[in-house]
Protein backbone atom coordinates (compact mmCIF):
# COMPACT_ATOMS: atom_id res chain seq x y z
CA UNK A 1 43.33 183.93 156.34
CA UNK A 2 43.20 182.69 152.93
CA UNK A 3 45.07 179.85 152.02
CA UNK A 4 47.05 179.86 148.61
CA UNK A 5 47.79 177.08 146.70
CA UNK A 6 51.24 176.49 145.61
CA UNK A 7 52.08 174.46 142.57
CA UNK A 8 55.38 172.94 141.95
CA UNK A 9 56.62 172.92 138.25
CA UNK A 10 59.25 170.42 137.58
CA UNK A 11 62.86 171.78 137.36
CA UNK A 12 64.66 171.90 134.36
CA UNK A 13 67.66 169.91 134.02
CA UNK A 14 70.73 171.22 132.46
CA UNK A 15 71.85 169.59 129.56
CA UNK A 16 75.64 169.76 130.23
CA UNK A 17 77.07 166.45 130.84
CA UNK A 18 73.89 164.89 130.14
CA UNK A 19 73.26 162.15 127.50
CA UNK A 20 70.73 163.14 125.28
CA UNK A 21 67.98 160.75 123.93
CA UNK A 22 67.84 160.42 120.32
CA UNK A 23 64.69 161.26 118.70
CA UNK A 24 65.03 158.45 116.28
CA UNK A 25 62.25 156.28 115.97
CA UNK A 26 62.26 152.78 117.82
CA UNK A 27 62.84 149.67 115.90
CA UNK A 28 59.53 148.10 115.60
CA UNK A 29 59.43 144.28 116.37
CA UNK A 30 59.49 142.22 112.89
CA UNK A 31 55.83 141.86 111.75
CA UNK A 32 54.68 138.27 111.42
CA UNK A 33 54.32 137.21 108.08
CA UNK A 34 52.23 134.32 106.71
CA UNK A 35 55.39 132.16 106.84
CA UNK A 36 56.30 132.86 110.24
CA UNK A 37 52.79 132.68 111.78
CA UNK A 38 51.74 129.56 109.83
CA UNK A 39 53.73 126.91 111.81
CA UNK A 40 52.59 128.15 115.26
CA UNK A 41 49.12 128.45 114.38
CA UNK A 42 49.30 125.16 112.53
CA UNK A 43 50.60 123.65 115.68
CA UNK A 44 47.98 124.99 117.72
CA UNK A 45 45.29 123.94 115.49
CA UNK A 46 46.66 120.40 115.46
CA UNK A 47 47.07 120.36 119.26
CA UNK A 48 43.40 121.32 119.49
CA UNK A 49 42.50 118.78 117.06
CA UNK A 50 44.29 116.03 118.87
CA UNK A 51 42.97 117.16 122.25
CA UNK A 52 39.37 117.20 120.74
CA UNK A 53 39.81 113.71 119.20
CA UNK A 54 41.46 112.42 122.57
CA UNK A 55 38.12 113.81 124.45
CA UNK A 56 35.85 112.31 121.61
CA UNK A 57 37.82 108.86 121.92
CA UNK A 58 37.67 109.00 125.88
CA UNK A 59 33.75 109.75 125.39
CA UNK A 60 33.36 106.81 123.26
CA UNK A 61 35.14 104.50 125.39
CA UNK A 62 33.01 105.66 128.50
CA UNK A 63 29.79 104.98 126.39
CA UNK A 64 31.14 101.66 125.14
CA UNK A 65 32.02 100.84 128.78
CA UNK A 66 28.56 101.73 129.85
CA UNK A 67 26.92 99.68 127.11
CA UNK A 68 29.12 96.66 128.07
CA UNK A 69 28.55 97.28 131.63
CA UNK A 70 24.85 97.25 130.99
CA UNK A 71 24.76 93.91 128.68
CA UNK A 72 26.94 92.31 131.51
CA UNK A 73 24.33 93.31 134.11
CA UNK A 74 21.62 92.16 132.11
CA UNK A 75 23.33 88.53 131.35
CA UNK A 76 24.19 88.09 135.19
CA UNK A 77 20.35 88.96 135.91
CA UNK A 78 19.46 86.53 133.44
CA UNK A 79 21.61 83.80 134.57
CA UNK A 80 20.67 84.52 138.03
CA UNK A 81 16.88 84.03 137.05
CA UNK A 82 17.68 80.76 135.20
CA UNK A 83 19.55 79.53 138.39
CA UNK A 84 16.77 80.76 140.59
CA UNK A 85 14.34 78.81 138.18
CA UNK A 86 16.33 75.74 138.24
CA UNK A 87 16.58 75.74 142.14
CA UNK A 88 12.97 76.10 142.50
CA UNK A 89 12.34 73.24 140.10
CA UNK A 90 15.01 71.01 142.04
CA UNK A 91 13.20 72.17 145.16
CA UNK A 92 9.87 70.89 143.73
CA UNK A 93 11.11 67.74 142.70
CA UNK A 94 12.84 67.09 146.09
CA UNK A 95 9.57 67.91 147.68
CA UNK A 96 7.66 65.58 145.64
CA UNK A 97 10.38 62.88 146.17
CA UNK A 98 10.32 63.54 150.03
CA UNK A 99 6.42 63.17 149.59
CA UNK A 100 6.75 59.80 147.71
CA UNK A 101 9.39 58.35 150.13
CA UNK A 102 7.22 59.37 153.18
CA UNK A 103 4.30 57.68 151.57
CA UNK A 104 6.43 54.57 150.93
CA UNK A 105 7.70 54.70 154.43
CA UNK A 106 4.15 54.95 155.81
CA UNK A 107 3.09 51.99 153.89
CA UNK A 108 6.01 49.94 154.83
CA UNK A 109 5.62 50.97 158.64
CA UNK A 110 1.84 49.98 158.34
CA UNK A 111 2.55 46.69 156.50
CA UNK A 112 5.28 45.68 159.23
CA UNK A 113 2.97 46.43 161.97
CA UNK A 114 0.25 44.36 160.54
CA UNK A 115 2.90 41.73 159.92
CA UNK A 116 3.99 41.73 163.52
CA UNK A 117 0.10 41.54 164.63
CA UNK A 118 -0.35 38.51 162.21
CA UNK A 119 2.69 36.78 163.79
CA UNK A 120 1.36 37.55 167.45
CA UNK A 121 -1.99 36.29 166.61
CA UNK A 122 -0.59 33.13 164.93
CA UNK A 123 1.56 32.45 168.15
CA UNK A 124 -1.33 32.94 170.55
CA UNK A 125 -2.30 29.39 170.54
CA UNK A 126 1.39 28.33 171.27
CA UNK A 127 1.14 30.94 174.26
CA UNK A 128 -1.92 29.38 175.41
CA UNK A 129 -0.34 25.86 175.60
CA UNK A 130 2.96 26.93 177.02
CA UNK A 131 2.23 29.77 179.44
CA UNK A 132 -1.56 29.50 180.03
CA UNK A 133 -4.81 31.21 178.34
CA UNK A 134 -4.42 34.43 180.18
CA UNK A 135 -0.88 35.05 178.25
CA UNK A 136 -2.55 33.99 175.13
CA UNK A 137 -5.45 36.54 175.58
CA UNK A 138 -2.74 39.15 176.13
CA UNK A 139 -1.12 38.20 172.83
CA UNK A 140 -4.58 38.61 171.26
CA UNK A 141 -5.17 41.92 172.48
CA UNK A 142 -1.59 42.97 171.36
CA UNK A 143 -2.37 41.46 168.08
CA UNK A 144 -5.75 43.30 167.59
CA UNK A 145 -4.26 46.59 168.97
CA UNK A 146 -1.36 46.35 166.19
CA UNK A 147 -3.98 45.58 163.56
CA UNK A 148 -6.08 48.55 164.32
CA UNK A 149 -2.91 50.89 164.48
CA UNK A 150 -2.02 49.58 161.03
CA UNK A 151 -5.64 50.37 159.77
CA UNK A 152 -5.45 53.88 161.24
CA UNK A 153 -1.91 54.43 159.90
CA UNK A 154 -3.26 53.45 156.31
CA UNK A 155 -6.18 55.51 156.51
CA UNK A 156 -4.20 58.64 157.38
CA UNK A 157 -2.04 60.89 155.08
CA UNK A 158 1.38 61.83 155.71
CA UNK A 159 0.27 65.43 156.56
CA UNK A 160 -2.14 64.32 159.18
CA UNK A 161 0.49 61.92 160.60
CA UNK A 162 2.79 64.71 160.87
CA UNK A 163 0.20 66.88 162.42
CA UNK A 164 -0.53 64.12 165.04
CA UNK A 165 3.09 63.58 165.85
CA UNK A 166 3.56 67.32 166.52
CA UNK A 167 0.38 67.34 168.68
CA UNK A 168 1.90 64.17 170.43
CA UNK A 169 5.22 66.04 170.89
CA UNK A 170 3.36 69.32 172.27
CA UNK A 171 1.29 67.21 174.71
CA UNK A 172 3.75 64.98 176.17
CA UNK A 173 7.34 66.02 175.34
CA UNK A 174 9.00 63.60 177.78
CA UNK A 175 7.19 60.38 176.15
CA UNK A 176 8.28 61.77 172.70
CA UNK A 177 11.84 61.94 173.62
CA UNK A 178 11.66 58.56 175.36
CA UNK A 179 10.00 57.02 172.29
CA UNK A 180 12.65 58.78 169.95
CA UNK A 181 15.42 57.46 172.05
CA UNK A 182 14.03 53.94 171.80
CA UNK A 183 13.52 54.04 168.42
CA UNK A 184 16.91 55.35 167.43
CA UNK A 185 18.44 52.48 169.79
CA UNK A 186 16.52 49.86 167.94
CA UNK A 187 17.44 51.39 164.48
CA UNK A 188 20.99 51.52 165.28
CA UNK A 189 20.91 47.94 166.40
CA UNK A 190 19.12 46.87 163.17
CA UNK A 191 21.56 48.54 160.98
CA UNK A 192 24.53 47.55 162.90
CA UNK A 193 23.39 44.06 163.00
CA UNK A 194 22.53 44.20 159.04
CA UNK A 195 26.27 45.59 158.14
CA UNK A 196 27.94 42.64 159.98
């Protein structure tokens, strides 16, 4: 069986009672003339120009802000370097001043020990008379010991004394604590007595 193709043709409608379309040409939209097209194009052009100008202004502000930020960063870095240099200079001055004070304190301590030794040596004959020769000999030994200590103290630098003190504390920390406590007590009594 062969298939047959059926094609449909559109049915014709009757023209009775139906409205007919006029065959008049459609009215065309008014053509834009130069006068009517000009304000819209001009407004668009102005808007685009303003937009471009705003973009250029924003880019210029961004560039200026970047430049200023760079300048401020450089100024801050420069000031920081200046402050660091000043701090180093003050640190060096303080270090030298502390060294000078330590040398002065060493000299004063050495002189004080020597003075105490001399006073004890001067009083040894009186001790001999009052308490006996044996106690006078103790005073002379103490005087010689103080003089030797004073000479050793003069001979050493502040750095050597500091190292000796650290070594002493490492070897016998209990004794070092006791000496520090006694020295602190004596200094407190000395300053309390001088403030009255």
